[in-house]
Amino acid sequence: MIITEKAKTFITKAMGQNGIDTLRFTFEGAGCCGPQLGLSLDNPQTTDRLEIINGIRVAMDEQVASIVEGVTLDAEETEEGVQFVLLGLNQCC
């Protein structure tokens, strides 16, 4: 996984505002368009794999780690606020 500088800026700001130092990915299930992943600022679970990616502490279970290998986490500013996008995630739709 790659975390862009733009995404890092927003993540770091949110971490500071919330007093959390870990970005956590969770597997929410599989839908018609591929895996459904959750993204939150949360403490890692004992079974999570921990990595430092572009200076960000990232926790994820092994299933998520294999899904996001080679994926880029980026951020886009919209009228509703910041949205994070996973570029390169295999989806059918």
N, C-alpha and C. Protein backbone atom coordinates (compact mmCIF):
# COMPACT_ATOMS: atom_id res chain seq x y z
N MET A 1 0.83 -1.19 0.00
CA MET A 1 0.00 0.00 0.00
C MET A 1 0.87 1.23 0.00
N ILE A 2 0.35 2.23 -0.67
CA ILE A 2 0.97 3.55 -0.70
C ILE A 2 -0.04 4.55 -0.13
N ILE A 3 0.43 5.48 0.69
CA ILE A 3 -0.41 6.58 1.18
C ILE A 3 0.16 7.85 0.58
N THR A 4 -0.65 8.56 -0.20
CA THR A 4 -0.17 9.78 -0.84
C THR A 4 0.06 10.88 0.20
N GLU A 5 0.82 11.88 -0.20
CA GLU A 5 1.07 13.01 0.68
C GLU A 5 -0.23 13.75 1.02
N LYS A 6 -1.13 13.85 0.04
CA LYS A 6 -2.41 14.52 0.28
C LYS A 6 -3.22 13.77 1.34
N ALA A 7 -3.28 12.44 1.21
CA ALA A 7 -4.00 11.64 2.20
C ALA A 7 -3.32 11.74 3.57
N LYS A 8 -2.00 11.71 3.57
CA LYS A 8 -1.24 11.80 4.82
C LYS A 8 -1.56 13.09 5.56
N THR A 9 -1.67 14.20 4.82
CA THR A 9 -1.98 15.49 5.44
C THR A 9 -3.30 15.43 6.20
N PHE A 10 -4.34 14.89 5.56
CA PHE A 10 -5.66 14.81 6.21
C PHE A 10 -5.67 13.80 7.35
N ILE A 11 -4.99 12.67 7.17
CA ILE A 11 -4.94 11.64 8.22
C ILE A 11 -4.22 12.18 9.45
N THR A 12 -3.08 12.81 9.24
CA THR A 12 -2.29 13.36 10.35
C THR A 12 -3.09 14.41 11.12
N LYS A 13 -3.80 15.26 10.40
CA LYS A 13 -4.63 16.28 11.05
C LYS A 13 -5.72 15.62 11.89
N ALA A 14 -6.40 14.63 11.33
CA ALA A 14 -7.48 13.94 12.06
C ALA A 14 -6.92 13.19 13.27
N MET A 15 -5.75 12.60 13.13
CA MET A 15 -5.13 11.90 14.27
C MET A 15 -4.85 12.88 15.40
N GLY A 16 -4.32 14.04 15.08
CA GLY A 16 -4.05 15.05 16.09
C GLY A 16 -5.31 15.54 16.79
N GLN A 17 -6.38 15.73 16.01
CA GLN A 17 -7.64 16.21 16.57
C GLN A 17 -8.31 15.16 17.46
N ASN A 18 -8.06 13.87 17.18
CA ASN A 18 -8.74 12.80 17.91
C ASN A 18 -7.85 12.07 18.91
N GLY A 19 -6.58 12.42 18.96
CA GLY A 19 -5.67 11.77 19.91
C GLY A 19 -5.46 10.29 19.61
N ILE A 20 -5.56 9.91 18.36
CA ILE A 20 -5.36 8.51 17.94
C ILE A 20 -4.16 8.50 17.00
N ASP A 21 -3.29 7.48 17.14
CA ASP A 21 -2.09 7.44 16.30
C ASP A 21 -2.06 6.29 15.30
N THR A 22 -3.22 5.65 15.08
CA THR A 22 -3.26 4.50 14.18
C THR A 22 -4.45 4.60 13.22
N LEU A 23 -4.16 4.36 11.95
CA LEU A 23 -5.19 4.23 10.92
C LEU A 23 -5.47 2.74 10.80
N ARG A 24 -6.73 2.34 10.91
CA ARG A 24 -7.06 0.92 10.93
C ARG A 24 -8.00 0.55 9.79
N PHE A 25 -7.62 -0.50 9.05
CA PHE A 25 -8.44 -1.07 8.00
C PHE A 25 -9.10 -2.33 8.52
N THR A 26 -10.39 -2.49 8.23
CA THR A 26 -11.11 -3.70 8.61
C THR A 26 -11.82 -4.27 7.39
N PHE A 27 -12.02 -5.56 7.41
CA PHE A 27 -12.76 -6.23 6.34
C PHE A 27 -14.22 -6.28 6.75
N GLU A 28 -15.09 -5.67 5.95
CA GLU A 28 -16.52 -5.58 6.27
C GLU A 28 -17.33 -6.62 5.52
N GLY A 29 -16.71 -7.32 4.59
CA GLY A 29 -17.41 -8.34 3.82
C GLY A 29 -17.17 -8.14 2.34
N ALA A 30 -17.78 -8.99 1.55
CA ALA A 30 -17.65 -8.91 0.10
C ALA A 30 -19.01 -8.60 -0.49
N GLY A 31 -19.03 -7.67 -1.42
CA GLY A 31 -20.26 -7.31 -2.11
C GLY A 31 -20.14 -7.65 -3.58
N CYS A 32 -21.11 -7.24 -4.34
CA CYS A 32 -21.10 -7.53 -5.77
C CYS A 32 -19.96 -6.84 -6.48
N CYS A 33 -19.44 -5.78 -5.89
CA CYS A 33 -18.39 -5.00 -6.56
C CYS A 33 -17.04 -5.19 -5.91
N GLY A 34 -16.85 -6.26 -5.18
CA GLY A 34 -15.56 -6.53 -4.56
C GLY A 34 -15.60 -6.39 -3.06
N PRO A 35 -14.43 -6.35 -2.45
CA PRO A 35 -14.36 -6.30 -0.99
C PRO A 35 -14.86 -4.97 -0.45
N GLN A 36 -15.50 -5.04 0.70
CA GLN A 36 -15.96 -3.84 1.41
C GLN A 36 -15.02 -3.65 2.60
N LEU A 37 -14.30 -2.55 2.60
CA LEU A 37 -13.33 -2.29 3.65
C LEU A 37 -13.77 -1.12 4.50
N GLY A 38 -13.45 -1.20 5.78
CA GLY A 38 -13.70 -0.10 6.70
C GLY A 38 -12.38 0.61 6.98
N LEU A 39 -12.44 1.91 7.18
CA LEU A 39 -11.27 2.73 7.46
C LEU A 39 -11.61 3.62 8.64
N SER A 40 -10.78 3.56 9.69
CA SER A 40 -11.07 4.37 10.88
C SER A 40 -9.78 4.72 11.60
N LEU A 41 -9.88 5.68 12.49
CA LEU A 41 -8.80 5.96 13.43
C LEU A 41 -9.15 5.16 14.67
N ASP A 42 -8.35 4.15 14.95
CA ASP A 42 -8.69 3.22 16.03
C ASP A 42 -7.44 2.52 16.52
N ASN A 43 -7.50 2.01 17.72
CA ASN A 43 -6.39 1.24 18.26
C ASN A 43 -6.31 -0.11 17.55
N PRO A 44 -5.11 -0.62 17.32
CA PRO A 44 -4.98 -1.91 16.67
C PRO A 44 -5.48 -3.05 17.57
N GLN A 45 -5.95 -4.10 16.92
CA GLN A 45 -6.34 -5.31 17.63
C GLN A 45 -5.11 -6.21 17.74
N THR A 46 -5.13 -7.16 18.66
CA THR A 46 -3.95 -8.01 18.86
C THR A 46 -3.62 -8.85 17.63
N THR A 47 -4.60 -9.12 16.78
CA THR A 47 -4.35 -9.93 15.58
C THR A 47 -3.98 -9.08 14.36
N ASP A 48 -3.99 -7.77 14.49
CA ASP A 48 -3.69 -6.88 13.37
C ASP A 48 -2.20 -6.92 13.01
N ARG A 49 -1.95 -6.71 11.76
CA ARG A 49 -0.60 -6.51 11.26
C ARG A 49 -0.34 -5.01 11.30
N LEU A 50 0.79 -4.59 11.85
CA LEU A 50 1.13 -3.17 11.96
C LEU A 50 2.24 -2.83 10.98
N GLU A 51 2.07 -1.72 10.28
CA GLU A 51 3.08 -1.22 9.35
C GLU A 51 3.15 0.29 9.49
N ILE A 52 4.27 0.84 9.13
CA ILE A 52 4.42 2.29 9.01
C ILE A 52 4.47 2.58 7.51
N ILE A 53 3.49 3.32 7.01
CA ILE A 53 3.42 3.64 5.59
C ILE A 53 3.41 5.16 5.46
N ASN A 54 4.43 5.69 4.82
CA ASN A 54 4.60 7.14 4.65
C ASN A 54 4.46 7.87 5.99
N GLY A 55 5.01 7.28 7.03
CA GLY A 55 5.00 7.89 8.35
C GLY A 55 3.71 7.69 9.13
N ILE A 56 2.75 6.96 8.57
CA ILE A 56 1.47 6.70 9.23
C ILE A 56 1.47 5.28 9.77
N ARG A 57 1.11 5.12 11.05
CA ARG A 57 0.98 3.79 11.63
C ARG A 57 -0.35 3.19 11.15
N VAL A 58 -0.27 2.05 10.47
CA VAL A 58 -1.44 1.42 9.86
C VAL A 58 -1.61 0.02 10.45
N ALA A 59 -2.85 -0.28 10.89
CA ALA A 59 -3.18 -1.61 11.40
C ALA A 59 -4.20 -2.25 10.47
N MET A 60 -4.00 -3.54 10.20
CA MET A 60 -4.95 -4.26 9.35
C MET A 60 -4.82 -5.75 9.61
N ASP A 61 -5.93 -6.48 9.43
CA ASP A 61 -5.81 -7.92 9.58
C ASP A 61 -5.19 -8.50 8.31
N GLU A 62 -4.76 -9.75 8.38
CA GLU A 62 -4.06 -10.36 7.25
C GLU A 62 -4.89 -10.37 5.98
N GLN A 63 -6.20 -10.57 6.10
CA GLN A 63 -7.07 -10.60 4.92
C GLN A 63 -7.06 -9.24 4.23
N VAL A 64 -7.14 -8.17 4.99
CA VAL A 64 -7.10 -6.83 4.42
C VAL A 64 -5.73 -6.56 3.81
N ALA A 65 -4.68 -6.99 4.48
CA ALA A 65 -3.32 -6.76 3.98
C ALA A 65 -3.15 -7.33 2.57
N SER A 66 -3.69 -8.49 2.31
CA SER A 66 -3.56 -9.08 0.98
C SER A 66 -4.42 -8.34 -0.05
N ILE A 67 -5.54 -7.77 0.37
CA ILE A 67 -6.44 -7.04 -0.53
C ILE A 67 -5.83 -5.71 -0.95
N VAL A 68 -5.17 -5.01 -0.03
CA VAL A 68 -4.67 -3.66 -0.32
C VAL A 68 -3.22 -3.64 -0.81
N GLU A 69 -2.62 -4.79 -0.97
CA GLU A 69 -1.27 -4.83 -1.50
C GLU A 69 -1.25 -4.20 -2.89
N GLY A 70 -0.40 -3.23 -3.10
CA GLY A 70 -0.31 -2.55 -4.39
C GLY A 70 -1.35 -1.46 -4.62
N VAL A 71 -2.16 -1.15 -3.60
CA VAL A 71 -3.21 -0.14 -3.70
C VAL A 71 -2.69 1.19 -3.14
N THR A 72 -3.20 2.29 -3.67
CA THR A 72 -2.83 3.62 -3.19
C THR A 72 -4.02 4.27 -2.48
N LEU A 73 -3.79 4.74 -1.25
CA LEU A 73 -4.80 5.49 -0.51
C LEU A 73 -4.58 6.97 -0.81
N ASP A 74 -5.60 7.61 -1.37
CA ASP A 74 -5.52 9.03 -1.72
C ASP A 74 -6.71 9.74 -1.10
N ALA A 75 -6.70 11.05 -1.13
CA ALA A 75 -7.79 11.86 -0.59
C ALA A 75 -8.28 12.82 -1.66
N GLU A 76 -9.59 13.02 -1.68
CA GLU A 76 -10.21 13.97 -2.59
C GLU A 76 -11.07 14.92 -1.77
N GLU A 77 -10.99 16.20 -2.09
CA GLU A 77 -11.84 17.18 -1.42
C GLU A 77 -13.10 17.34 -2.25
N THR A 78 -14.26 17.17 -1.59
CA THR A 78 -15.55 17.32 -2.24
C THR A 78 -16.36 18.37 -1.49
N GLU A 79 -17.55 18.67 -1.99
CA GLU A 79 -18.42 19.62 -1.30
C GLU A 79 -18.80 19.13 0.09
N GLU A 80 -18.84 17.79 0.26
CA GLU A 80 -19.20 17.20 1.55
C GLU A 80 -18.01 17.09 2.50
N GLY A 81 -16.82 17.37 2.01
CA GLY A 81 -15.61 17.25 2.82
C GLY A 81 -14.61 16.32 2.16
N VAL A 82 -13.71 15.81 2.95
CA VAL A 82 -12.66 14.93 2.42
C VAL A 82 -13.18 13.51 2.31
N GLN A 83 -12.87 12.88 1.17
CA GLN A 83 -13.19 11.47 0.98
C GLN A 83 -11.91 10.75 0.63
N PHE A 84 -11.72 9.60 1.24
CA PHE A 84 -10.55 8.79 0.94
C PHE A 84 -10.93 7.77 -0.13
N VAL A 85 -10.02 7.55 -1.06
CA VAL A 85 -10.25 6.60 -2.13
C VAL A 85 -9.07 5.63 -2.21
N LEU A 86 -9.39 4.39 -2.55
CA LEU A 86 -8.38 3.36 -2.75
C LEU A 86 -8.22 3.18 -4.26
N LEU A 87 -7.10 3.61 -4.78
CA LEU A 87 -6.84 3.50 -6.21
C LEU A 87 -6.16 2.17 -6.49
N GLY A 88 -6.66 1.46 -7.49
CA GLY A 88 -6.08 0.18 -7.86
C GLY A 88 -6.72 -1.01 -7.18
N LEU A 89 -7.79 -0.77 -6.42
CA LEU A 89 -8.50 -1.87 -5.77
C LEU A 89 -9.34 -2.58 -6.81
N ASN A 90 -9.18 -3.87 -6.94
CA ASN A 90 -9.91 -4.64 -7.94
C ASN A 90 -11.39 -4.70 -7.59
N GLN A 91 -12.21 -4.14 -8.47
CA GLN A 91 -13.67 -4.17 -8.32
C GLN A 91 -14.27 -4.51 -9.66
N CYS A 92 -15.45 -5.10 -9.65
CA CYS A 92 -16.07 -5.52 -10.90
C CYS A 92 -16.97 -4.45 -11.50
N CYS A 93 -17.35 -3.41 -10.76
CA CYS A 93 -18.29 -2.41 -11.25
C CYS A 93 -17.60 -1.09 -11.54
